[in-house]
Amino acid sequence: MKYLCLVYSDEDTLHSLPDSPDDSECLAYAEKIHGSGRMQAAEALQPVSTATTIRVRSGKVSITDGPFAETKEQLAGFYLVEAHDLNEAIQIASGIPAARVGSVEVRPVRQLEV
């Protein structure tokens, strides 16, 4: 089963806290998961200030610069992994270096028949 591990952190402090991971540690972990055959995809995201939010209400498109809502933590990146079950997905997510200074939301992917 596929699971999406959404990495959240406070952009202002992500790289300045004592437990903050550096890019090389994050890359090494991604390579480890990839080498295990469980990684489907992983990417870091640009800062939330580069986001564009789209809403469609009553057929009318509204475009807003920035995130949908102001939050303490912002979506910083993701890992799409293949795991036998939620427990294995949690184990993978707990190893993501940014989890030390932020959080990782683990969600099963709902397969669509297209």
N, C-alpha and C. Protein backbone atom coordinates (compact mmCIF):
# COMPACT_ATOMS: atom_id res chain seq x y z
N MET A 1 0.84 -1.18 0.00
CA MET A 1 0.00 0.00 0.00
C MET A 1 0.89 1.24 0.00
N LYS A 2 0.42 2.29 -0.68
CA LYS A 2 1.17 3.54 -0.73
C LYS A 2 0.73 4.44 0.42
N TYR A 3 1.71 5.14 0.98
CA TYR A 3 1.48 6.12 2.03
C TYR A 3 2.21 7.40 1.67
N LEU A 4 1.57 8.53 1.93
CA LEU A 4 2.19 9.83 1.73
C LEU A 4 2.61 10.35 3.09
N CYS A 5 3.88 10.64 3.23
CA CYS A 5 4.42 11.21 4.47
C CYS A 5 4.65 12.70 4.21
N LEU A 6 3.79 13.52 4.79
CA LEU A 6 3.85 14.97 4.60
C LEU A 6 4.70 15.58 5.71
N VAL A 7 5.76 16.27 5.34
CA VAL A 7 6.70 16.83 6.30
C VAL A 7 6.34 18.29 6.55
N TYR A 8 6.05 18.61 7.81
CA TYR A 8 5.72 19.98 8.20
C TYR A 8 6.79 20.52 9.13
N SER A 9 7.10 21.79 8.97
CA SER A 9 8.05 22.44 9.87
C SER A 9 7.82 23.94 9.84
N ASP A 10 8.39 24.62 10.80
CA ASP A 10 8.36 26.07 10.84
C ASP A 10 9.52 26.55 9.97
N GLU A 11 9.22 27.14 8.83
CA GLU A 11 10.27 27.56 7.90
C GLU A 11 11.29 28.50 8.54
N ASP A 12 10.84 29.30 9.48
CA ASP A 12 11.74 30.28 10.09
C ASP A 12 12.79 29.63 10.98
N THR A 13 12.50 28.44 11.49
CA THR A 13 13.45 27.80 12.41
C THR A 13 13.98 26.45 11.92
N LEU A 14 13.50 25.98 10.79
CA LEU A 14 13.84 24.64 10.31
C LEU A 14 15.34 24.37 10.32
N HIS A 15 16.13 25.30 9.88
CA HIS A 15 17.57 25.06 9.77
C HIS A 15 18.39 25.72 10.88
N SER A 16 17.72 26.23 11.92
CA SER A 16 18.47 26.93 12.96
C SER A 16 18.38 26.29 14.34
N LEU A 17 17.58 25.27 14.51
CA LEU A 17 17.45 24.61 15.81
C LEU A 17 18.59 23.62 16.02
N PRO A 18 18.94 23.33 17.27
CA PRO A 18 20.05 22.39 17.52
C PRO A 18 19.86 21.02 16.86
N ASP A 19 18.63 20.53 16.78
CA ASP A 19 18.38 19.22 16.17
C ASP A 19 18.06 19.30 14.68
N SER A 20 18.18 20.47 14.09
CA SER A 20 17.84 20.65 12.67
C SER A 20 18.73 19.79 11.79
N PRO A 21 18.12 19.06 10.86
CA PRO A 21 18.93 18.28 9.92
C PRO A 21 19.49 19.18 8.83
N ASP A 22 20.62 18.80 8.27
CA ASP A 22 21.11 19.53 7.10
C ASP A 22 20.71 18.75 5.85
N ASP A 23 20.91 19.37 4.71
CA ASP A 23 20.47 18.75 3.45
C ASP A 23 21.13 17.40 3.21
N SER A 24 22.39 17.26 3.59
CA SER A 24 23.09 16.00 3.33
C SER A 24 22.47 14.86 4.15
N GLU A 25 22.03 15.12 5.37
CA GLU A 25 21.38 14.09 6.18
C GLU A 25 20.04 13.69 5.56
N CYS A 26 19.29 14.68 5.09
CA CYS A 26 18.00 14.39 4.45
C CYS A 26 18.20 13.59 3.17
N LEU A 27 19.20 13.95 2.39
CA LEU A 27 19.48 13.22 1.16
C LEU A 27 19.92 11.78 1.47
N ALA A 28 20.74 11.60 2.49
CA ALA A 28 21.18 10.26 2.86
C ALA A 28 20.00 9.39 3.28
N TYR A 29 19.05 9.96 4.02
CA TYR A 29 17.88 9.18 4.43
C TYR A 29 17.02 8.83 3.21
N ALA A 30 16.84 9.78 2.32
CA ALA A 30 16.06 9.51 1.11
C ALA A 30 16.72 8.41 0.28
N GLU A 31 18.04 8.43 0.18
CA GLU A 31 18.76 7.39 -0.56
C GLU A 31 18.60 6.03 0.12
N LYS A 32 18.60 6.02 1.45
CA LYS A 32 18.41 4.76 2.20
C LYS A 32 17.04 4.16 1.91
N ILE A 33 15.99 4.99 1.96
CA ILE A 33 14.64 4.51 1.69
C ILE A 33 14.51 4.09 0.23
N HIS A 34 15.12 4.84 -0.66
CA HIS A 34 15.09 4.49 -2.08
C HIS A 34 15.78 3.14 -2.30
N GLY A 35 16.92 2.95 -1.65
CA GLY A 35 17.66 1.71 -1.78
C GLY A 35 16.90 0.50 -1.27
N SER A 36 15.98 0.72 -0.32
CA SER A 36 15.18 -0.38 0.22
C SER A 36 14.05 -0.78 -0.73
N GLY A 37 13.83 0.03 -1.76
CA GLY A 37 12.76 -0.24 -2.71
C GLY A 37 11.40 0.26 -2.26
N ARG A 38 11.35 0.98 -1.14
CA ARG A 38 10.06 1.45 -0.61
C ARG A 38 9.69 2.85 -1.09
N MET A 39 10.65 3.62 -1.60
CA MET A 39 10.35 4.99 -2.00
C MET A 39 9.78 5.03 -3.41
N GLN A 40 8.67 5.74 -3.54
CA GLN A 40 8.06 6.01 -4.84
C GLN A 40 8.50 7.38 -5.35
N ALA A 41 8.57 8.37 -4.44
CA ALA A 41 8.97 9.73 -4.78
C ALA A 41 9.25 10.49 -3.50
N ALA A 42 10.06 11.51 -3.59
CA ALA A 42 10.32 12.41 -2.46
C ALA A 42 10.80 13.74 -3.01
N GLU A 43 10.31 14.81 -2.44
CA GLU A 43 10.72 16.15 -2.88
C GLU A 43 10.62 17.12 -1.72
N ALA A 44 11.52 18.07 -1.69
CA ALA A 44 11.41 19.21 -0.79
C ALA A 44 10.68 20.31 -1.56
N LEU A 45 9.97 21.15 -0.85
CA LEU A 45 9.21 22.22 -1.48
C LEU A 45 9.89 23.57 -1.28
N GLN A 46 9.64 24.48 -2.19
CA GLN A 46 10.10 25.85 -2.05
C GLN A 46 9.35 26.48 -0.87
N PRO A 47 9.82 27.62 -0.35
CA PRO A 47 9.14 28.26 0.79
C PRO A 47 7.66 28.53 0.52
N VAL A 48 6.89 28.55 1.59
CA VAL A 48 5.44 28.74 1.48
C VAL A 48 5.09 30.08 0.81
N SER A 49 5.98 31.03 0.87
CA SER A 49 5.72 32.33 0.23
C SER A 49 5.61 32.20 -1.30
N THR A 50 6.09 31.09 -1.86
CA THR A 50 6.01 30.88 -3.30
C THR A 50 4.72 30.17 -3.71
N ALA A 51 3.91 29.78 -2.72
CA ALA A 51 2.67 29.03 -3.00
C ALA A 51 1.62 29.92 -3.65
N THR A 52 0.76 29.30 -4.42
CA THR A 52 -0.42 29.94 -4.98
C THR A 52 -1.61 29.05 -4.65
N THR A 53 -2.63 29.61 -4.05
CA THR A 53 -3.81 28.85 -3.68
C THR A 53 -4.95 29.16 -4.65
N ILE A 54 -5.57 28.09 -5.16
CA ILE A 54 -6.66 28.21 -6.11
C ILE A 54 -7.95 27.72 -5.45
N ARG A 55 -9.01 28.48 -5.59
CA ARG A 55 -10.34 28.06 -5.12
C ARG A 55 -11.31 28.26 -6.28
N VAL A 56 -12.25 27.34 -6.39
CA VAL A 56 -13.33 27.50 -7.37
C VAL A 56 -14.64 27.45 -6.59
N ARG A 57 -15.39 28.53 -6.64
CA ARG A 57 -16.67 28.63 -5.94
C ARG A 57 -17.70 29.12 -6.94
N SER A 58 -18.77 28.34 -7.06
CA SER A 58 -19.84 28.68 -8.01
C SER A 58 -19.29 28.92 -9.41
N GLY A 59 -18.30 28.13 -9.81
CA GLY A 59 -17.73 28.24 -11.14
C GLY A 59 -16.74 29.37 -11.32
N LYS A 60 -16.48 30.14 -10.26
CA LYS A 60 -15.58 31.28 -10.35
C LYS A 60 -14.23 30.92 -9.71
N VAL A 61 -13.14 31.17 -10.44
CA VAL A 61 -11.80 30.86 -9.97
C VAL A 61 -11.23 32.04 -9.18
N SER A 62 -10.70 31.74 -8.02
CA SER A 62 -10.06 32.74 -7.18
C SER A 62 -8.61 32.30 -6.95
N ILE A 63 -7.66 33.19 -7.16
CA ILE A 63 -6.24 32.89 -7.00
C ILE A 63 -5.68 33.79 -5.90
N THR A 64 -5.01 33.16 -4.93
CA THR A 64 -4.41 33.89 -3.82
C THR A 64 -2.94 33.53 -3.72
N ASP A 65 -2.08 34.52 -3.61
CA ASP A 65 -0.67 34.24 -3.38
C ASP A 65 -0.50 33.74 -1.96
N GLY A 66 0.35 32.75 -1.81
CA GLY A 66 0.64 32.21 -0.48
C GLY A 66 -0.23 31.01 -0.15
N PRO A 67 -0.09 30.54 1.07
CA PRO A 67 -0.79 29.31 1.49
C PRO A 67 -2.28 29.55 1.72
N PHE A 68 -3.01 28.46 1.84
CA PHE A 68 -4.46 28.51 2.09
C PHE A 68 -4.76 29.18 3.43
N ALA A 69 -3.95 28.87 4.45
CA ALA A 69 -4.20 29.41 5.79
C ALA A 69 -2.88 29.70 6.48
N GLU A 70 -2.89 30.62 7.40
CA GLU A 70 -1.71 30.90 8.22
C GLU A 70 -1.58 29.79 9.25
N THR A 71 -0.43 29.18 9.32
CA THR A 71 -0.19 28.10 10.27
C THR A 71 1.18 28.26 10.91
N LYS A 72 1.35 27.59 12.03
CA LYS A 72 2.65 27.63 12.71
C LYS A 72 3.68 26.81 11.93
N GLU A 73 3.24 25.68 11.37
CA GLU A 73 4.13 24.85 10.57
C GLU A 73 3.63 24.82 9.13
N GLN A 74 4.58 24.78 8.20
CA GLN A 74 4.23 24.77 6.79
C GLN A 74 4.66 23.44 6.16
N LEU A 75 3.98 23.07 5.08
CA LEU A 75 4.36 21.87 4.34
C LEU A 75 5.72 22.12 3.70
N ALA A 76 6.70 21.32 4.07
CA ALA A 76 8.07 21.51 3.60
C ALA A 76 8.47 20.51 2.52
N GLY A 77 7.79 19.37 2.48
CA GLY A 77 8.13 18.35 1.50
C GLY A 77 7.33 17.09 1.75
N PHE A 78 7.66 16.05 0.98
CA PHE A 78 6.91 14.81 1.12
C PHE A 78 7.75 13.62 0.70
N TYR A 79 7.36 12.47 1.20
CA TYR A 79 7.87 11.17 0.76
C TYR A 79 6.65 10.34 0.39
N LEU A 80 6.64 9.76 -0.78
CA LEU A 80 5.62 8.80 -1.17
C LEU A 80 6.29 7.43 -1.08
N VAL A 81 5.79 6.59 -0.17
CA VAL A 81 6.45 5.30 0.08
C VAL A 81 5.48 4.14 -0.09
N GLU A 82 6.04 3.00 -0.34
CA GLU A 82 5.29 1.75 -0.39
C GLU A 82 5.60 1.03 0.92
N ALA A 83 4.54 0.66 1.66
CA ALA A 83 4.72 -0.02 2.94
C ALA A 83 3.67 -1.12 3.06
N HIS A 84 4.00 -2.15 3.83
CA HIS A 84 3.06 -3.26 4.02
C HIS A 84 1.81 -2.83 4.78
N ASP A 85 2.00 -1.89 5.73
CA ASP A 85 0.88 -1.45 6.56
C ASP A 85 1.24 -0.11 7.20
N LEU A 86 0.31 0.42 7.97
CA LEU A 86 0.52 1.71 8.63
C LEU A 86 1.72 1.66 9.56
N ASN A 87 1.91 0.57 10.27
CA ASN A 87 3.05 0.48 11.20
C ASN A 87 4.38 0.64 10.46
N GLU A 88 4.51 0.01 9.31
CA GLU A 88 5.76 0.16 8.55
C GLU A 88 5.90 1.59 8.03
N ALA A 89 4.79 2.20 7.60
CA ALA A 89 4.83 3.58 7.13
C ALA A 89 5.24 4.52 8.26
N ILE A 90 4.75 4.27 9.45
CA ILE A 90 5.12 5.08 10.62
C ILE A 90 6.60 4.92 10.92
N GLN A 91 7.10 3.71 10.80
CA GLN A 91 8.53 3.46 11.03
C GLN A 91 9.37 4.26 10.03
N ILE A 92 8.97 4.25 8.78
CA ILE A 92 9.68 5.03 7.76
C ILE A 92 9.61 6.51 8.10
N ALA A 93 8.41 7.00 8.42
CA ALA A 93 8.22 8.43 8.71
C ALA A 93 9.01 8.88 9.93
N SER A 94 9.14 8.01 10.92
CA SER A 94 9.86 8.39 12.14
C SER A 94 11.34 8.58 11.89
N GLY A 95 11.85 8.04 10.78
CA GLY A 95 13.26 8.23 10.44
C GLY A 95 13.54 9.48 9.64
N ILE A 96 12.51 10.15 9.17
CA ILE A 96 12.71 11.37 8.39
C ILE A 96 13.35 12.42 9.29
N PRO A 97 14.55 12.91 8.93
CA PRO A 97 15.28 13.81 9.82
C PRO A 97 14.50 15.04 10.28
N ALA A 98 13.68 15.62 9.41
CA ALA A 98 12.93 16.82 9.78
C ALA A 98 11.89 16.57 10.86
N ALA A 99 11.55 15.31 11.13
CA ALA A 99 10.59 15.00 12.20
C ALA A 99 11.12 15.44 13.56
N ARG A 100 12.44 15.59 13.67
CA ARG A 100 13.03 16.03 14.95
C ARG A 100 12.67 17.47 15.30
N VAL A 101 12.37 18.28 14.29
CA VAL A 101 12.09 19.69 14.54
C VAL A 101 10.72 20.11 14.03
N GLY A 102 9.98 19.18 13.44
CA GLY A 102 8.65 19.47 12.91
C GLY A 102 7.76 18.27 13.15
N SER A 103 6.96 17.95 12.16
CA SER A 103 6.08 16.79 12.27
C SER A 103 5.93 16.15 10.90
N VAL A 104 5.51 14.88 10.92
CA VAL A 104 5.26 14.16 9.67
C VAL A 104 3.88 13.54 9.77
N GLU A 105 3.02 13.91 8.85
CA GLU A 105 1.68 13.34 8.77
C GLU A 105 1.74 12.16 7.80
N VAL A 106 1.25 11.00 8.24
CA VAL A 106 1.24 9.80 7.42
C VAL A 106 -0.19 9.51 6.99
N ARG A 107 -0.40 9.42 5.68
CA ARG A 107 -1.75 9.16 5.18
C ARG A 107 -1.72 8.11 4.09
N PRO A 108 -2.63 7.14 4.17
CA PRO A 108 -2.72 6.16 3.08
C PRO A 108 -3.22 6.85 1.82
N VAL A 109 -2.68 6.40 0.69
CA VAL A 109 -3.09 6.94 -0.61
C VAL A 109 -4.30 6.14 -1.08
N ARG A 110 -5.33 6.85 -1.48
CA ARG A 110 -6.53 6.20 -2.03
C ARG A 110 -6.33 6.03 -3.52
N GLN A 111 -6.32 4.79 -3.95
CA GLN A 111 -6.10 4.49 -5.35
C GLN A 111 -7.36 4.82 -6.16
N LEU A 112 -7.19 5.56 -7.23
CA LEU A 112 -8.29 5.90 -8.12
C LEU A 112 -8.22 5.03 -9.35
N GLU A 113 -9.35 4.55 -9.79
CA GLU A 113 -9.41 3.77 -11.01
C GLU A 113 -9.65 4.73 -12.17
N VAL A 114 -8.61 4.90 -13.00
CA VAL A 114 -8.75 5.78 -14.16
C VAL A 114 -8.47 5.03 -15.44
